């Protein structure tokens, strides 16, 4: 890929991820590129409508990017097929439920069902991605990553400590992944935030491959042991039903 094009995409992705305004100088420092090169990239992105300048003349992502995301999501068959399961689970649990699909084995949220007036995890929204080692959906993706290249994949994970409960080394993480593969269930216990936990279960397709992940966020202080068991059972059931909707029964029958 042309380096200029690649750098342009990197800047666009960075602005989309941070959702903040950045100056030319700040972006040049982030990407270690000359100011003049950043200026040319920003001019092209602004001319095409994908970024804009705020009142301070710094650059921000524009709403035009929604055109691309809407077009992509509307044609995403798996999202449309699994939407009923995501919505039903949210209604049953009265908790936020989100559907993620693996993008280079990192979970990206493609659908969210949220009870009215109940926002537990403001970070979770369509298009969001969380670090592999601190998200339940990320752990599912890592657990079902091809085993022959798992070590190579984990070498790209920073394992930075976000809270006291964050798993900070690949060895401990791999032990947990083995358990997740066996149980088809993952949990994060205040590993990304001190007041948010999450659970997730995998969705498989007719080839037996990981096709999606269903996750649920909750506040640990509000959750009794009996509630947690119900949460686990219902999430696993929704993921299993979603798998069958994608033809997983055909794979199991072989």
C-alpha atoms as a PDB file:
ATOM      1  CA  UNK A   1       0.000   0.000   0.000  1.00  0.00           C
ATOM      2  CA  UNK A   2       1.178   3.534  -0.775  1.00  0.00           C
ATOM      3  CA  UNK A   3       2.756   5.015   2.385  1.00  0.00           C
ATOM      4  CA  UNK A   4       0.848   8.280   2.080  1.00  0.00           C
ATOM      5  CA  UNK A   5      -2.448   6.412   1.833  1.00  0.00           C
ATOM      6  CA  UNK A   6      -1.470   4.182   4.746  1.00  0.00           C
ATOM      7  CA  UNK A   7      -0.551   7.183   6.903  1.00  0.00           C
ATOM      8  CA  UNK A   8      -3.817   8.873   6.006  1.00  0.00           C
ATOM      9  CA  UNK A   9      -5.778   5.864   7.211  1.00  0.00           C
ATOM     10  CA  UNK A  10      -3.707   5.750  10.395  1.00  0.00           C
ATOM     11  CA  UNK A  11      -4.517   9.390  11.163  1.00  0.00           C
ATOM     12  CA  UNK A  12      -8.204   8.828  10.439  1.00  0.00           C
ATOM     13  CA  UNK A  13      -8.317   5.734  12.671  1.00  0.00           C
ATOM     14  CA  UNK A  14      -6.479   7.587  15.442  1.00  0.00           C
ATOM     15  CA  UNK A  15      -8.900  10.523  15.412  1.00  0.00           C
ATOM     16  CA  UNK A  16     -11.869   8.135  15.353  1.00  0.00           C
ATOM     17  CA  UNK A  17     -10.521   6.126  18.286  1.00  0.00           C
ATOM     18  CA  UNK A  18      -9.606   9.114  20.457  1.00  0.00           C
ATOM     19  CA  UNK A  19     -12.703  11.197  19.640  1.00  0.00           C
ATOM     20  CA  UNK A  20     -10.732  14.312  20.601  1.00  0.00           C
ATOM     21  CA  UNK A  21      -9.329  17.296  18.724  1.00  0.00           C
ATOM     22  CA  UNK A  22      -5.644  17.309  17.760  1.00  0.00           C
ATOM     23  CA  UNK A  23      -3.377  19.943  16.241  1.00  0.00           C
ATOM     24  CA  UNK A  24      -0.909  19.376  13.415  1.00  0.00           C
ATOM     25  CA  UNK A  25       1.980  19.478  15.883  1.00  0.00           C
ATOM     26  CA  UNK A  26       0.330  16.951  18.213  1.00  0.00           C
ATOM     27  CA  UNK A  27      -0.369  14.517  15.380  1.00  0.00           C
ATOM     28  CA  UNK A  28       3.166  14.924  14.049  1.00  0.00           C
ATOM     29  CA  UNK A  29       4.480  13.924  17.479  1.00  0.00           C
ATOM     30  CA  UNK A  30       2.146  10.924  17.700  1.00  0.00           C
ATOM     31  CA  UNK A  31       3.107   9.560  14.284  1.00  0.00           C
ATOM     32  CA  UNK A  32       6.696  10.837  14.272  1.00  0.00           C
ATOM     33  CA  UNK A  33       6.185  12.487  10.890  1.00  0.00           C
ATOM     34  CA  UNK A  34       7.089  15.992   9.638  1.00  0.00           C
ATOM     35  CA  UNK A  35       4.497  18.725  10.166  1.00  0.00           C
ATOM     36  CA  UNK A  36       4.363  19.266   6.410  1.00  0.00           C
ATOM     37  CA  UNK A  37       3.437  15.616   5.790  1.00  0.00           C
ATOM     38  CA  UNK A  38       0.714  15.700   8.454  1.00  0.00           C
ATOM     39  CA  UNK A  39      -0.638  18.932   6.938  1.00  0.00           C
ATOM     40  CA  UNK A  40      -1.004  17.286   3.524  1.00  0.00           C
ATOM     41  CA  UNK A  41      -2.767  14.274   5.039  1.00  0.00           C
ATOM     42  CA  UNK A  42      -5.156  16.460   7.019  1.00  0.00           C
ATOM     43  CA  UNK A  43      -5.942  18.637   3.991  1.00  0.00           C
ATOM     44  CA  UNK A  44      -6.897  15.569   1.956  1.00  0.00           C
ATOM     45  CA  UNK A  45      -9.039  14.158   4.764  1.00  0.00           C
ATOM     46  CA  UNK A  46     -10.702  17.530   5.292  1.00  0.00           C
ATOM     47  CA  UNK A  47     -11.300  18.088   1.558  1.00  0.00           C
ATOM     48  CA  UNK A  48     -13.017  14.695   1.358  1.00  0.00           C
ATOM     49  CA  UNK A  49     -15.148  15.509   4.403  1.00  0.00           C
ATOM     50  CA  UNK A  50     -13.888  12.842   6.805  1.00  0.00           C
ATOM     51  CA  UNK A  51     -12.425  15.288   9.315  1.00  0.00           C
ATOM     52  CA  UNK A  52     -13.203  18.880  10.296  1.00  0.00           C
ATOM     53  CA  UNK A  53     -11.669  21.691  12.323  1.00  0.00           C
ATOM     54  CA  UNK A  54     -13.180  22.873  15.594  1.00  0.00           C
ATOM     55  CA  UNK A  55     -13.208  26.419  16.994  1.00  0.00           C
ATOM     56  CA  UNK A  56      -9.584  26.042  18.118  1.00  0.00           C
ATOM     57  CA  UNK A  57      -8.588  25.002  14.562  1.00  0.00           C
ATOM     58  CA  UNK A  58      -7.712  21.514  15.762  1.00  0.00           C
ATOM     59  CA  UNK A  59      -8.827  18.487  13.784  1.00  0.00           C
ATOM     60  CA  UNK A  60     -11.634  16.091  14.730  1.00  0.00           C
ATOM     61  CA  UNK A  61     -13.418  13.184  13.070  1.00  0.00           C
ATOM     62  CA  UNK A  62     -16.521  14.263  11.131  1.00  0.00           C
ATOM     63  CA  UNK A  63     -19.974  12.733  10.908  1.00  0.00           C
ATOM     64  CA  UNK A  64     -19.339  11.609   7.326  1.00  0.00           C
ATOM     65  CA  UNK A  65     -17.684   8.491   8.693  1.00  0.00           C
ATOM     66  CA  UNK A  66     -21.175   7.421   9.797  1.00  0.00           C
ATOM     67  CA  UNK A  67     -22.104   6.966   6.137  1.00  0.00           C
ATOM     68  CA  UNK A  68     -19.471   4.265   5.816  1.00  0.00           C
ATOM     69  CA  UNK A  69     -20.344   2.567   9.102  1.00  0.00           C
ATOM     70  CA  UNK A  70     -24.074   2.586   8.323  1.00  0.00           C
ATOM     71  CA  UNK A  71     -23.496   1.097   4.874  1.00  0.00           C
ATOM     72  CA  UNK A  72     -21.252  -1.582   6.343  1.00  0.00           C
ATOM     73  CA  UNK A  73     -23.582  -2.466   9.218  1.00  0.00           C
ATOM     74  CA  UNK A  74     -26.677  -2.599   7.026  1.00  0.00           C
ATOM     75  CA  UNK A  75     -24.982  -5.238   4.865  1.00  0.00           C
ATOM     76  CA  UNK A  76     -23.546  -7.173   7.783  1.00  0.00           C
ATOM     77  CA  UNK A  77     -25.678 -10.291   7.602  1.00  0.00           C
ATOM     78  CA  UNK A  78     -24.482 -11.772  10.885  1.00  0.00           C
ATOM     79  CA  UNK A  79     -25.577  -8.647  12.770  1.00  0.00           C
ATOM     80  CA  UNK A  80     -29.043  -8.800  11.261  1.00  0.00           C
ATOM     81  CA  UNK A  81     -29.415 -12.522  11.939  1.00  0.00           C
ATOM     82  CA  UNK A  82     -28.276 -12.352  15.550  1.00  0.00           C
ATOM     83  CA  UNK A  83     -30.018  -9.111  16.503  1.00  0.00           C
ATOM     84  CA  UNK A  84     -33.110 -10.926  17.934  1.00  0.00           C
ATOM     85  CA  UNK A  85     -30.933 -12.962  20.327  1.00  0.00           C
ATOM     86  CA  UNK A  86     -29.036  -9.875  21.505  1.00  0.00           C
ATOM     87  CA  UNK A  87     -32.234  -7.908  22.055  1.00  0.00           C
ATOM     88  CA  UNK A  88     -34.001 -10.767  23.854  1.00  0.00           C
ATOM     89  CA  UNK A  89     -31.063 -11.315  26.207  1.00  0.00           C
ATOM     90  CA  UNK A  90     -30.962  -7.627  27.110  1.00  0.00           C
ATOM     91  CA  UNK A  91     -34.693  -7.646  27.832  1.00  0.00           C
ATOM     92  CA  UNK A  92     -34.398 -10.759  30.004  1.00  0.00           C
ATOM     93  CA  UNK A  93     -31.401  -9.561  32.001  1.00  0.00           C
ATOM     94  CA  UNK A  94     -32.251  -5.849  31.947  1.00  0.00           C
ATOM     95  CA  UNK A  95     -28.582  -5.239  31.210  1.00  0.00           C
ATOM     96  CA  UNK A  96     -26.563  -3.941  28.230  1.00  0.00           C
ATOM     97  CA  UNK A  97     -25.785  -6.711  25.738  1.00  0.00           C
ATOM     98  CA  UNK A  98     -23.404  -6.290  22.827  1.00  0.00           C
ATOM     99  CA  UNK A  99     -22.467  -8.323  19.791  1.00  0.00           C
ATOM    100  CA  UNK A 100     -18.855  -8.277  18.633  1.00  0.00           C
ATOM    101  CA  UNK A 101     -17.161  -9.894  15.670  1.00  0.00           C
ATOM    102  CA  UNK A 102     -13.438 -10.719  15.473  1.00  0.00           C
ATOM    103  CA  UNK A 103     -11.423  -8.289  13.361  1.00  0.00           C
ATOM    104  CA  UNK A 104      -7.895  -9.677  13.134  1.00  0.00           C
ATOM    105  CA  UNK A 105      -8.877 -11.553  16.309  1.00  0.00           C
ATOM    106  CA  UNK A 106      -9.743  -8.328  18.132  1.00  0.00           C
ATOM    107  CA  UNK A 107     -13.445  -7.890  19.005  1.00  0.00           C
ATOM    108  CA  UNK A 108     -15.216  -4.942  17.405  1.00  0.00           C
ATOM    109  CA  UNK A 109     -18.736  -4.106  18.578  1.00  0.00           C
ATOM    110  CA  UNK A 110     -21.304  -4.227  15.757  1.00  0.00           C
ATOM    111  CA  UNK A 111     -24.547  -4.158  17.761  1.00  0.00           C
ATOM    112  CA  UNK A 112     -25.709  -3.030  21.201  1.00  0.00           C
ATOM    113  CA  UNK A 113     -29.017  -3.592  23.002  1.00  0.00           C
ATOM    114  CA  UNK A 114     -29.371  -1.398  26.046  1.00  0.00           C
ATOM    115  CA  UNK A 115     -32.278  -1.154  28.527  1.00  0.00           C
ATOM    116  CA  UNK A 116     -33.816   2.290  28.592  1.00  0.00           C
ATOM    117  CA  UNK A 117     -32.188   4.530  31.161  1.00  0.00           C
ATOM    118  CA  UNK A 118     -29.528   1.996  32.165  1.00  0.00           C
ATOM    119  CA  UNK A 119     -26.038   2.867  30.962  1.00  0.00           C
ATOM    120  CA  UNK A 120     -23.500   0.709  32.805  1.00  0.00           C
ATOM    121  CA  UNK A 121     -20.538   0.877  30.459  1.00  0.00           C
ATOM    122  CA  UNK A 122     -20.368   4.135  28.443  1.00  0.00           C
ATOM    123  CA  UNK A 123     -17.233   2.892  26.653  1.00  0.00           C
ATOM    124  CA  UNK A 124     -19.178   0.184  24.825  1.00  0.00           C
ATOM    125  CA  UNK A 125     -20.697   1.468  21.588  1.00  0.00           C
ATOM    126  CA  UNK A 126     -20.870   0.357  17.980  1.00  0.00           C
ATOM    127  CA  UNK A 127     -17.387   0.370  16.518  1.00  0.00           C
ATOM    128  CA  UNK A 128     -15.589   0.299  19.860  1.00  0.00           C
ATOM    129  CA  UNK A 129     -12.714  -2.072  20.604  1.00  0.00           C
ATOM    130  CA  UNK A 130     -11.153  -2.908  23.956  1.00  0.00           C
ATOM    131  CA  UNK A 131      -7.754  -4.413  24.780  1.00  0.00           C
ATOM    132  CA  UNK A 132      -7.763  -8.195  24.474  1.00  0.00           C
ATOM    133  CA  UNK A 133      -6.601  -8.918  28.022  1.00  0.00           C
ATOM    134  CA  UNK A 134      -9.160  -6.763  29.879  1.00  0.00           C
ATOM    135  CA  UNK A 135     -12.390  -7.508  28.015  1.00  0.00           C
ATOM    136  CA  UNK A 136     -14.529 -10.642  28.177  1.00  0.00           C
ATOM    137  CA  UNK A 137     -15.098 -10.543  24.414  1.00  0.00           C
ATOM    138  CA  UNK A 138     -11.362 -10.084  23.878  1.00  0.00           C
ATOM    139  CA  UNK A 139     -10.603 -13.132  25.993  1.00  0.00           C
ATOM    140  CA  UNK A 140     -13.044 -15.183  23.899  1.00  0.00           C
ATOM    141  CA  UNK A 141     -11.306 -14.067  20.689  1.00  0.00           C
ATOM    142  CA  UNK A 142      -7.900 -14.965  22.115  1.00  0.00           C
ATOM    143  CA  UNK A 143      -9.134 -18.304  23.483  1.00  0.00           C
ATOM    144  CA  UNK A 144     -10.347 -19.452  20.070  1.00  0.00           C
ATOM    145  CA  UNK A 145      -7.423 -18.025  18.110  1.00  0.00           C
ATOM    146  CA  UNK A 146      -5.601 -20.770  16.142  1.00  0.00           C
ATOM    147  CA  UNK A 147      -3.371 -22.433  18.723  1.00  0.00           C
ATOM    148  CA  UNK A 148      -0.369 -22.778  16.428  1.00  0.00           C
ATOM    149  CA  UNK A 149      -0.018 -18.982  16.176  1.00  0.00           C
ATOM    150  CA  UNK A 150      -1.395 -17.984  19.594  1.00  0.00           C
ATOM    151  CA  UNK A 151       2.005 -17.103  21.081  1.00  0.00           C
ATOM    152  CA  UNK A 152       2.774 -14.883  18.109  1.00  0.00           C
ATOM    153  CA  UNK A 153      -0.604 -13.165  18.527  1.00  0.00           C
ATOM    154  CA  UNK A 154      -0.165 -12.649  22.288  1.00  0.00           C
ATOM    155  CA  UNK A 155       3.237 -11.081  21.632  1.00  0.00           C
ATOM    156  CA  UNK A 156       1.337  -8.124  20.138  1.00  0.00           C
ATOM    157  CA  UNK A 157      -0.678  -7.596  23.350  1.00  0.00           C
ATOM    158  CA  UNK A 158       0.763  -5.034  25.786  1.00  0.00           C
ATOM    159  CA  UNK A 159      -0.686  -6.607  28.973  1.00  0.00           C
ATOM    160  CA  UNK A 160      -0.617  -3.169  30.589  1.00  0.00           C
ATOM    161  CA  UNK A 161      -2.104  -3.038  34.095  1.00  0.00           C
ATOM    162  CA  UNK A 162      -5.276  -0.927  34.078  1.00  0.00           C
ATOM    163  CA  UNK A 163      -6.619  -1.945  37.489  1.00  0.00           C
ATOM    164  CA  UNK A 164      -5.239  -4.066  40.313  1.00  0.00           C
ATOM    165  CA  UNK A 165      -7.125  -7.062  38.909  1.00  0.00           C
ATOM    166  CA  UNK A 166      -5.803  -6.792  35.351  1.00  0.00           C
ATOM    167  CA  UNK A 167      -3.920  -9.877  34.167  1.00  0.00           C
ATOM    168  CA  UNK A 168      -0.466  -8.501  33.478  1.00  0.00           C
ATOM    169  CA  UNK A 169       1.475 -11.351  31.893  1.00  0.00           C
ATOM    170  CA  UNK A 170       0.939 -13.754  28.964  1.00  0.00           C
ATOM    171  CA  UNK A 171       1.628 -16.893  31.011  1.00  0.00           C
ATOM    172  CA  UNK A 172      -1.268 -16.273  33.420  1.00  0.00           C
ATOM    173  CA  UNK A 173      -3.427 -15.164  30.513  1.00  0.00           C
ATOM    174  CA  UNK A 174      -2.831 -18.428  28.631  1.00  0.00           C
ATOM    175  CA  UNK A 175      -3.902 -20.421  31.692  1.00  0.00           C
ATOM    176  CA  UNK A 176      -7.199 -18.529  31.689  1.00  0.00           C
ATOM    177  CA  UNK A 177      -7.607 -18.998  27.934  1.00  0.00           C
ATOM    178  CA  UNK A 178      -7.386 -22.783  28.325  1.00  0.00           C
ATOM    179  CA  UNK A 179     -10.234 -22.645  30.838  1.00  0.00           C
ATOM    180  CA  UNK A 180     -12.287 -20.425  28.524  1.00  0.00           C
ATOM    181  CA  UNK A 181     -11.854 -22.808  25.587  1.00  0.00           C
ATOM    182  CA  UNK A 182     -13.138 -25.643  27.758  1.00  0.00           C
ATOM    183  CA  UNK A 183     -16.090 -23.790  29.310  1.00  0.00           C
ATOM    184  CA  UNK A 184     -16.942 -21.533  26.327  1.00  0.00           C
ATOM    185  CA  UNK A 185     -17.362 -18.697  28.759  1.00  0.00           C
ATOM    186  CA  UNK A 186     -15.233 -15.698  29.785  1.00  0.00           C
ATOM    187  CA  UNK A 187     -15.472 -13.128  32.543  1.00  0.00           C
ATOM    188  CA  UNK A 188     -13.643  -9.934  33.422  1.00  0.00           C
ATOM    189  CA  UNK A 189     -13.897  -8.995  37.069  1.00  0.00           C
ATOM    190  CA  UNK A 190     -13.160  -5.267  37.283  1.00  0.00           C
ATOM    191  CA  UNK A 191     -10.072  -5.741  35.104  1.00  0.00           C
ATOM    192  CA  UNK A 192     -10.741  -2.744  32.835  1.00  0.00           C
ATOM    193  CA  UNK A 193     -12.614  -0.577  35.321  1.00  0.00           C
ATOM    194  CA  UNK A 194     -13.015  -0.690  39.087  1.00  0.00           C
ATOM    195  CA  UNK A 195     -16.806  -0.663  38.849  1.00  0.00           C
ATOM    196  CA  UNK A 196     -17.546  -2.658  35.692  1.00  0.00           C
ATOM    197  CA  UNK A 197     -17.394  -6.387  35.016  1.00  0.00           C
ATOM    198  CA  UNK A 198     -18.473  -8.373  31.979  1.00  0.00           C
ATOM    199  CA  UNK A 199     -19.144 -11.878  30.743  1.00  0.00           C
ATOM    200  CA  UNK A 200     -19.121 -13.288  27.220  1.00  0.00           C
ATOM    201  CA  UNK A 201     -19.714 -16.487  25.262  1.00  0.00           C
ATOM    202  CA  UNK A 202     -18.650 -17.472  21.730  1.00  0.00           C
ATOM    203  CA  UNK A 203     -20.861 -17.853  18.663  1.00  0.00           C
ATOM    204  CA  UNK A 204     -19.716 -20.394  16.072  1.00  0.00           C
ATOM    205  CA  UNK A 205     -20.649 -20.770  12.401  1.00  0.00           C
ATOM    206  CA  UNK A 206     -21.344 -23.833  10.254  1.00  0.00           C
ATOM    207  CA  UNK A 207     -17.579 -24.395   9.868  1.00  0.00           C
ATOM    208  CA  UNK A 208     -17.088 -24.521  13.629  1.00  0.00           C
ATOM    209  CA  UNK A 209     -15.190 -21.219  13.521  1.00  0.00           C
ATOM    210  CA  UNK A 210     -15.596 -18.286  15.885  1.00  0.00           C
ATOM    211  CA  UNK A 211     -18.044 -15.978  14.121  1.00  0.00           C
ATOM    212  CA  UNK A 212     -19.082 -13.590  16.890  1.00  0.00           C
ATOM    213  CA  UNK A 213     -19.141 -13.012  20.633  1.00  0.00           C
ATOM    214  CA  UNK A 214     -22.082 -12.051  22.835  1.00  0.00           C
ATOM    215  CA  UNK A 215     -21.098  -9.981  25.867  1.00  0.00           C
ATOM    216  CA  UNK A 216     -22.928  -8.497  28.848  1.00  0.00           C
ATOM    217  CA  UNK A 217     -21.748  -5.670  31.117  1.00  0.00           C
ATOM    218  CA  UNK A 218     -22.804  -5.362  34.740  1.00  0.00           C
ATOM    219  CA  UNK A 219     -21.940  -3.611  37.980  1.00  0.00           C
ATOM    220  CA  UNK A 220     -20.397  -6.098  40.467  1.00  0.00           C
ATOM    221  CA  UNK A 221     -21.926  -4.547  43.629  1.00  0.00           C
ATOM    222  CA  UNK A 222     -25.403  -5.031  42.138  1.00  0.00           C
ATOM    223  CA  UNK A 223     -24.852  -8.718  41.386  1.00  0.00           C
ATOM    224  CA  UNK A 224     -25.591 -11.534  43.849  1.00  0.00           C
ATOM    225  CA  UNK A 225     -24.121 -15.004  43.336  1.00  0.00           C
ATOM    226  CA  UNK A 226     -27.507 -16.327  42.189  1.00  0.00           C
ATOM    227  CA  UNK A 227     -27.820 -13.428  39.740  1.00  0.00           C
ATOM    228  CA  UNK A 228     -24.359 -14.168  38.374  1.00  0.00           C
ATOM    229  CA  UNK A 229     -25.283 -17.811  37.761  1.00  0.00           C
ATOM    230  CA  UNK A 230     -28.399 -16.728  35.883  1.00  0.00           C
ATOM    231  CA  UNK A 231     -26.346 -14.228  33.907  1.00  0.00           C
ATOM    232  CA  UNK A 232     -23.888 -16.905  32.891  1.00  0.00           C
ATOM    233  CA  UNK A 233     -26.588 -19.422  31.934  1.00  0.00           C
ATOM    234  CA  UNK A 234     -28.610 -16.922  29.905  1.00  0.00           C
ATOM    235  CA  UNK A 235     -25.560 -15.573  28.069  1.00  0.00           C
ATOM    236  CA  UNK A 236     -24.340 -19.069  27.230  1.00  0.00           C
ATOM    237  CA  UNK A 237     -27.838 -20.008  26.035  1.00  0.00           C
ATOM    238  CA  UNK A 238     -28.109 -16.922  23.818  1.00  0.00           C
ATOM    239  CA  UNK A 239     -24.700 -17.630  22.276  1.00  0.00           C
ATOM    240  CA  UNK A 240     -25.571 -21.287  21.714  1.00  0.00           C
ATOM    241  CA  UNK A 241     -28.881 -20.390  20.044  1.00  0.00           C
ATOM    242  CA  UNK A 242     -27.036 -17.839  17.913  1.00  0.00           C
ATOM    243  CA  UNK A 243     -24.569 -20.536  16.857  1.00  0.00           C
ATOM    244  CA  UNK A 244     -27.392 -22.795  15.742  1.00  0.00           C
ATOM    245  CA  UNK A 245     -28.899 -19.875  13.809  1.00  0.00           C
ATOM    246  CA  UNK A 246     -25.610 -19.727  11.884  1.00  0.00           C
ATOM    247  CA  UNK A 247     -25.669 -23.456  11.122  1.00  0.00           C
ATOM    248  CA  UNK A 248     -23.374 -24.724  13.867  1.00  0.00           C
ATOM    249  CA  UNK A 249     -25.549 -27.841  14.220  1.00  0.00           C
ATOM    250  CA  UNK A 250     -24.371 -28.915  10.757  1.00  0.00           C
ATOM    251  CA  UNK A 251     -20.755 -28.745  11.895  1.00  0.00           C
ATOM    252  CA  UNK A 252     -21.475 -30.748  15.053  1.00  0.00           C
ATOM    253  CA  UNK A 253     -23.293 -33.399  13.017  1.00  0.00           C
ATOM    254  CA  UNK A 254     -20.246 -34.100  10.860  1.00  0.00           C
END
